[in-house]
C-alpha atoms as a PDB file:
ATOM      1  CA  UNK A   1      67.698  35.163   3.733  1.00  0.00           C
ATOM      2  CA  UNK A   2      65.823  33.017   1.215  1.00  0.00           C
ATOM      3  CA  UNK A   3      65.566  30.116   3.581  1.00  0.00           C
ATOM      4  CA  UNK A   4      63.986  32.473   6.196  1.00  0.00           C
ATOM      5  CA  UNK A   5      61.279  33.552   3.754  1.00  0.00           C
ATOM      6  CA  UNK A   6      60.367  29.857   2.964  1.00  0.00           C
ATOM      7  CA  UNK A   7      60.174  28.942   6.648  1.00  0.00           C
ATOM      8  CA  UNK A   8      57.895  31.976   7.310  1.00  0.00           C
ATOM      9  CA  UNK A   9      55.773  31.098   4.247  1.00  0.00           C
ATOM     10  CA  UNK A  10      55.122  27.622   5.521  1.00  0.00           C
ATOM     11  CA  UNK A  11      52.686  28.499   8.287  1.00  0.00           C
ATOM     12  CA  UNK A  12      50.999  31.028   6.061  1.00  0.00           C
ATOM     13  CA  UNK A  13      50.327  28.294   3.321  1.00  0.00           C
ATOM     14  CA  UNK A  14      49.203  25.847   5.955  1.00  0.00           C
ATOM     15  CA  UNK A  15      46.725  28.447   7.427  1.00  0.00           C
ATOM     16  CA  UNK A  16      45.516  29.268   3.950  1.00  0.00           C
ATOM     17  CA  UNK A  17      44.945  25.623   3.010  1.00  0.00           C
ATOM     18  CA  UNK A  18      43.148  25.016   6.246  1.00  0.00           C
ATOM     19  CA  UNK A  19      40.941  27.971   5.856  1.00  0.00           C
ATOM     20  CA  UNK A  20      40.219  26.825   2.233  1.00  0.00           C
ATOM     21  CA  UNK A  21      39.138  23.343   3.607  1.00  0.00           C
ATOM     22  CA  UNK A  22      37.036  24.805   6.270  1.00  0.00           C
ATOM     23  CA  UNK A  23      35.392  27.196   3.794  1.00  0.00           C
ATOM     24  CA  UNK A  24      34.611  24.506   1.397  1.00  0.00           C
ATOM     25  CA  UNK A  25      33.163  22.240   4.098  1.00  0.00           C
ATOM     26  CA  UNK A  26      30.912  24.918   5.510  1.00  0.00           C
ATOM     27  CA  UNK A  27      29.678  25.992   2.077  1.00  0.00           C
ATOM     28  CA  UNK A  28      28.830  22.383   1.064  1.00  0.00           C
ATOM     29  CA  UNK A  29      27.168  21.873   4.555  1.00  0.00           C
ATOM     30  CA  UNK A  30      24.993  24.949   4.441  1.00  0.00           C
ATOM     31  CA  UNK A  31      24.144  24.865   0.746  1.00  0.00           C
ATOM     32  CA  UNK A  32      22.785  21.281   0.976  1.00  0.00           C
ATOM     33  CA  UNK A  33      19.711  22.537   2.882  1.00  0.00           C
ATOM     34  CA  UNK A  34      18.779  24.869  -0.115  1.00  0.00           C
ATOM     35  CA  UNK A  35      18.347  21.961  -2.588  1.00  0.00           C
ATOM     36  CA  UNK A  36      14.528  21.607  -3.472  1.00  0.00           C
ATOM     37  CA  UNK A  37      13.149  18.522  -1.912  1.00  0.00           C
ATOM     38  CA  UNK A  38      10.676  16.591  -4.192  1.00  0.00           C
ATOM     39  CA  UNK A  39       8.163  14.487  -2.596  1.00  0.00           C
ATOM     40  CA  UNK A  40       6.339  11.531  -4.085  1.00  0.00           C
ATOM     41  CA  UNK A  41       3.299  13.603  -4.337  1.00  0.00           C
ATOM     42  CA  UNK A  42       5.088  16.152  -6.521  1.00  0.00           C
ATOM     43  CA  UNK A  43       6.581  13.637  -8.697  1.00  0.00           C
ATOM     44  CA  UNK A  44       3.195  11.852  -9.203  1.00  0.00           C
ATOM     45  CA  UNK A  45       1.402  15.166  -9.939  1.00  0.00           C
ATOM     46  CA  UNK A  46       4.088  16.173 -12.370  1.00  0.00           C
ATOM     47  CA  UNK A  47       3.899  12.758 -14.171  1.00  0.00           C
ATOM     48  CA  UNK A  48       0.050  12.937 -14.470  1.00  0.00           C
ATOM     49  CA  UNK A  49       0.193  16.557 -15.602  1.00  0.00           C
ATOM     50  CA  UNK A  50       2.124  15.856 -18.597  1.00  0.00           C
ATOM     51  CA  UNK A  51       1.136  16.373 -22.270  1.00  0.00           C
ATOM     52  CA  UNK A  52       0.754  12.598 -22.943  1.00  0.00           C
ATOM     53  CA  UNK A  53      -1.868  11.562 -20.632  1.00  0.00           C
ATOM     54  CA  UNK A  54      -3.069   8.848 -22.893  1.00  0.00           C
ATOM     55  CA  UNK A  55       0.382   7.211 -23.095  1.00  0.00           C
ATOM     56  CA  UNK A  56       0.695   7.425 -19.288  1.00  0.00           C
ATOM     57  CA  UNK A  57      -2.729   5.832 -18.750  1.00  0.00           C
ATOM     58  CA  UNK A  58      -1.861   3.124 -21.260  1.00  0.00           C
ATOM     59  CA  UNK A  59       1.327   2.434 -19.445  1.00  0.00           C
ATOM     60  CA  UNK A  60      -0.375   2.223 -15.920  1.00  0.00           C
ATOM     61  CA  UNK A  61      -3.115  -0.094 -17.276  1.00  0.00           C
ATOM     62  CA  UNK A  62      -0.580  -2.319 -19.039  1.00  0.00           C
ATOM     63  CA  UNK A  63       1.543  -2.513 -15.807  1.00  0.00           C
ATOM     64  CA  UNK A  64      -1.510  -3.104 -13.648  1.00  0.00           C
ATOM     65  CA  UNK A  65      -2.549  -6.086 -15.813  1.00  0.00           C
ATOM     66  CA  UNK A  66       0.956  -7.659 -16.064  1.00  0.00           C
ATOM     67  CA  UNK A  67       2.383  -7.160 -12.639  1.00  0.00           C
ATOM     68  CA  UNK A  68       0.874  -8.087  -9.199  1.00  0.00           C
ATOM     69  CA  UNK A  69       3.802  -6.540  -7.460  1.00  0.00           C
ATOM     70  CA  UNK A  70       3.162  -3.272  -9.414  1.00  0.00           C
ATOM     71  CA  UNK A  71      -0.499  -3.444  -8.379  1.00  0.00           C
ATOM     72  CA  UNK A  72       0.437  -3.768  -4.641  1.00  0.00           C
ATOM     73  CA  UNK A  73       2.925  -0.920  -4.989  1.00  0.00           C
ATOM     74  CA  UNK A  74       0.369   1.318  -6.611  1.00  0.00           C
ATOM     75  CA  UNK A  75      -2.308   0.613  -4.004  1.00  0.00           C
ATOM     76  CA  UNK A  76       0.345   1.325  -1.210  1.00  0.00           C
ATOM     77  CA  UNK A  77       1.470   4.411  -3.007  1.00  0.00           C
ATOM     78  CA  UNK A  78      -2.050   5.736  -3.499  1.00  0.00           C
ATOM     79  CA  UNK A  79      -2.732   5.175   0.276  1.00  0.00           C
ATOM     80  CA  UNK A  80       0.375   7.012   1.208  1.00  0.00           C
ATOM     81  CA  UNK A  81      -0.532   9.793  -1.178  1.00  0.00           C
ATOM     82  CA  UNK A  82      -3.985   9.983   0.377  1.00  0.00           C
ATOM     83  CA  UNK A  83      -2.619  10.202   3.826  1.00  0.00           C
ATOM     84  CA  UNK A  84       0.236  12.746   3.170  1.00  0.00           C
ATOM     85  CA  UNK A  85      -1.237  14.902   0.379  1.00  0.00           C
ATOM     86  CA  UNK A  86      -5.055  14.572   0.337  1.00  0.00           C
ATOM     87  CA  UNK A  87      -5.368  17.534  -2.130  1.00  0.00           C
ATOM     88  CA  UNK A  88      -3.042  16.005  -4.745  1.00  0.00           C
ATOM     89  CA  UNK A  89      -4.864  12.623  -4.196  1.00  0.00           C
ATOM     90  CA  UNK A  90      -8.178  14.277  -5.015  1.00  0.00           C
ATOM     91  CA  UNK A  91      -6.735  15.887  -8.101  1.00  0.00           C
ATOM     92  CA  UNK A  92      -5.269  12.535  -9.285  1.00  0.00           C
ATOM     93  CA  UNK A  93      -8.645  10.670  -8.545  1.00  0.00           C
ATOM     94  CA  UNK A  94     -10.566  13.347 -10.607  1.00  0.00           C
ATOM     95  CA  UNK A  95      -8.482  12.585 -13.645  1.00  0.00           C
END
C-alpha cells in the first residue's frame, strides 16, 4: 500500500514542480517590463540637478581640458540629447 502511494505521488510532485517553474518564468518575464527605464537624458538631468553643482562643473571642466576623447564624447552626447530630449537640452544649456 505504501508503494502505491509513492507511485501516485510522483506525477503529482512532477506536475507541481513543472507548474512552479512555469509560474516563476512567467512572473520574471512579465515583471521585467515594469522596471523603470532610465534614459541618458534622465541621468544627465539628475546629475546636473544635484546639490554640488560647483563640484560637477569643476569635474566637467577638468575632464574637458585633460581628455580629447571626453570632449568628443561630450559633444556627441550633447548632440544626441538635443535630438532626443530638446527640453532637457535647453534646461542644461541654461545652467
